[in-house]
């Protein structure tokens, strides 16, 4: 019986810079959806007058505002849950790093150095921190389908490998 081989192209080679940028942007959006309050639209109580003739259609302003408010809140909640599920799939050390550095409400003010020197117990080296971070970014990019595959030139080499 022959064993099935996944081949060399099973896991794509990613463009590290662009993939990192995409993952960080996803976490920026996550924090905005999670921690910023959503300003709901409200119906205006004052009738407005216009000389411009309107079509014969009648609009239900209250219903359209209610639908907008509900849909926006649901989309924000779904996005946050999607990110949280992806992070929950990571191994313990990678998940800890991502939660402390990128998912906290004050993560804009937390530096990488603070995380690897003070948050990890015992503290870890910068090299190990970068390794954990890249592995987490790689997995998250694939889970969330925001990865950027490295482009190859005609010689089969990655661009910039010369």
Protein backbone atom coordinates (compact mmCIF):
# COMPACT_ATOMS: atom_id res chain seq x y z
CA UNK A 1 0.00 0.00 0.00
CA UNK A 2 1.44 3.35 -1.07
CA UNK A 3 1.53 6.26 1.35
CA UNK A 4 0.03 9.52 0.14
CA UNK A 5 2.50 12.38 -0.18
CA UNK A 6 1.41 15.96 0.32
CA UNK A 7 4.15 17.29 -1.92
CA UNK A 8 6.46 20.26 -1.50
CA UNK A 9 3.79 22.84 -2.31
CA UNK A 10 1.35 21.75 0.40
CA UNK A 11 2.19 24.77 2.58
CA UNK A 12 2.77 27.88 0.49
CA UNK A 13 5.87 30.01 0.85
CA UNK A 14 4.58 33.37 2.03
CA UNK A 15 5.84 36.88 1.45
CA UNK A 16 6.83 37.60 5.06
CA UNK A 17 6.59 41.39 4.90
CA UNK A 18 3.20 41.53 3.17
CA UNK A 19 1.72 38.71 5.25
CA UNK A 20 2.86 40.36 8.49
CA UNK A 21 1.30 43.63 7.31
CA UNK A 22 -2.01 41.87 6.52
CA UNK A 23 -2.13 40.12 9.91
CA UNK A 24 -1.35 43.33 11.81
CA UNK A 25 -4.08 45.15 9.86
CA UNK A 26 -6.52 42.36 10.79
CA UNK A 27 -5.64 42.87 14.47
CA UNK A 28 -6.04 46.66 14.14
CA UNK A 29 -9.52 46.10 12.74
CA UNK A 30 -10.20 43.56 15.51
CA UNK A 31 -9.33 46.07 18.24
CA UNK A 32 -11.48 48.75 16.61
CA UNK A 33 -14.45 46.40 16.37
CA UNK A 34 -13.94 45.01 19.88
CA UNK A 35 -13.09 48.07 21.94
CA UNK A 36 -14.56 51.12 20.19
CA UNK A 37 -18.22 51.82 20.70
CA UNK A 38 -20.53 51.71 17.73
CA UNK A 39 -22.52 54.87 17.22
CA UNK A 40 -25.99 53.77 16.29
CA UNK A 41 -27.93 55.81 13.79
CA UNK A 42 -31.09 57.46 14.98
CA UNK A 43 -34.14 58.65 13.07
CA UNK A 44 -34.49 62.41 12.73
CA UNK A 45 -37.53 63.78 14.46
CA UNK A 46 -37.71 67.00 12.47
CA UNK A 47 -39.33 66.90 9.08
CA UNK A 48 -37.22 68.41 6.36
CA UNK A 49 -38.68 70.45 3.53
CA UNK A 50 -37.41 70.34 -0.01
CA UNK A 51 -38.56 72.15 -3.17
CA UNK A 52 -37.27 69.27 -5.22
CA UNK A 53 -40.04 66.90 -6.29
CA UNK A 54 -39.59 63.39 -4.94
CA UNK A 55 -40.57 60.13 -6.50
CA UNK A 56 -43.78 58.56 -5.35
CA UNK A 57 -41.88 56.04 -3.18
CA UNK A 58 -42.34 55.95 0.53
CA UNK A 59 -39.29 55.16 2.63
CA UNK A 60 -39.37 53.73 6.10
CA UNK A 61 -36.49 55.58 7.72
CA UNK A 62 -36.87 53.88 11.10
CA UNK A 63 -36.80 50.38 9.61
CA UNK A 64 -33.75 51.08 7.45
CA UNK A 65 -31.90 52.55 10.44
CA UNK A 66 -32.79 49.54 12.60
CA UNK A 67 -31.57 47.15 9.93
CA UNK A 68 -28.32 49.12 9.53
CA UNK A 69 -27.66 49.16 13.29
CA UNK A 70 -28.37 45.44 13.64
CA UNK A 71 -26.31 44.43 10.60
CA UNK A 72 -23.29 46.55 11.60
CA UNK A 73 -23.28 45.17 15.15
CA UNK A 74 -23.64 41.61 13.90
CA UNK A 75 -20.79 42.06 11.39
CA UNK A 76 -18.50 43.50 14.07
CA UNK A 77 -19.31 40.67 16.47
CA UNK A 78 -18.80 38.02 13.77
CA UNK A 79 -15.42 39.50 12.79
CA UNK A 80 -14.22 39.49 16.41
CA UNK A 81 -15.39 35.91 16.93
CA UNK A 82 -13.62 34.80 13.74
CA UNK A 83 -10.31 36.30 14.92
CA UNK A 84 -10.73 34.87 18.43
CA UNK A 85 -11.44 31.38 17.05
CA UNK A 86 -8.33 31.54 14.86
CA UNK A 87 -6.15 32.64 17.80
CA UNK A 88 -7.63 29.92 20.02
CA UNK A 89 -6.31 27.31 17.56
CA UNK A 90 -2.70 28.41 18.08
CA UNK A 91 -0.28 26.59 20.39
CA UNK A 92 -0.04 27.99 23.93
CA UNK A 93 3.11 30.14 23.54
CA UNK A 94 2.03 31.64 20.22
CA UNK A 95 -1.47 32.31 21.53
CA UNK A 96 -0.03 34.03 24.64
CA UNK A 97 2.18 36.24 22.48
CA UNK A 98 -0.66 37.25 20.14
CA UNK A 99 -3.14 37.92 22.95
CA UNK A 100 -0.69 40.06 24.94
CA UNK A 101 0.82 41.97 22.03
CA UNK A 102 -1.96 42.34 19.46
CA UNK A 103 -5.38 41.69 21.02
CA UNK A 104 -5.29 43.77 24.21
CA UNK A 105 -7.15 47.07 24.35
CA UNK A 106 -3.87 48.90 25.01
CA UNK A 107 -1.76 46.93 22.54
CA UNK A 108 -0.86 50.11 20.64
CA UNK A 109 1.24 51.05 23.66
CA UNK A 110 2.75 47.62 24.36
CA UNK A 111 6.09 46.96 22.67
CA UNK A 112 7.55 43.66 21.54
CA UNK A 113 10.37 44.16 24.04
CA UNK A 114 7.93 44.46 26.93
CA UNK A 115 6.24 41.22 25.92
CA UNK A 116 9.36 39.08 25.56
CA UNK A 117 11.15 40.59 28.58
CA UNK A 118 8.30 41.05 31.05
CA UNK A 119 5.18 39.14 30.00
CA UNK A 120 6.78 35.76 29.30
CA UNK A 121 7.75 33.94 32.49
CA UNK A 122 10.58 33.11 32.25
CA UNK A 123 11.53 35.77 29.75
CA UNK A 124 12.52 34.67 26.26
CA UNK A 125 15.09 35.96 23.78
CA UNK A 126 14.31 38.32 20.91
CA UNK A 127 15.20 35.56 18.43
CA UNK A 128 12.78 33.09 19.99
CA UNK A 129 10.10 35.79 20.21
CA UNK A 130 10.46 36.53 16.46
CA UNK A 131 10.24 32.81 15.72
CA UNK A 132 7.02 32.41 17.75
CA UNK A 133 5.56 35.56 16.23
CA UNK A 134 6.27 34.50 12.63
CA UNK A 135 4.87 31.01 13.23
CA UNK A 136 1.72 32.54 14.74
CA UNK A 137 1.40 35.04 11.87
CA UNK A 138 1.89 32.26 9.29
CA UNK A 139 -0.84 30.09 10.85
CA UNK A 140 -3.23 33.00 11.39
CA UNK A 141 -2.77 34.23 7.82
CA UNK A 142 -3.70 30.78 6.52
CA UNK A 143 -6.61 30.35 8.98
CA UNK A 144 -8.02 33.76 8.08
CA UNK A 145 -7.15 33.47 4.37
CA UNK A 146 -5.22 36.75 4.34
CA UNK A 147 -1.84 35.28 3.39
CA UNK A 148 0.28 36.71 0.60
CA UNK A 149 2.13 34.08 -1.40
CA UNK A 150 5.72 34.91 -2.37
CA UNK A 151 6.09 35.67 -6.07
CA UNK A 152 8.66 33.75 -8.08
CA UNK A 153 10.44 35.03 -11.15
CA UNK A 154 11.15 33.06 -14.34
CA UNK A 155 14.20 31.31 -12.82
CA UNK A 156 12.07 29.81 -10.05
CA UNK A 157 13.66 32.02 -7.40
CA UNK A 158 11.79 34.36 -5.11
CA UNK A 159 11.96 38.01 -6.11
CA UNK A 160 14.84 39.65 -4.24
CA UNK A 161 16.86 36.40 -3.79
CA UNK A 162 19.70 37.44 -6.06
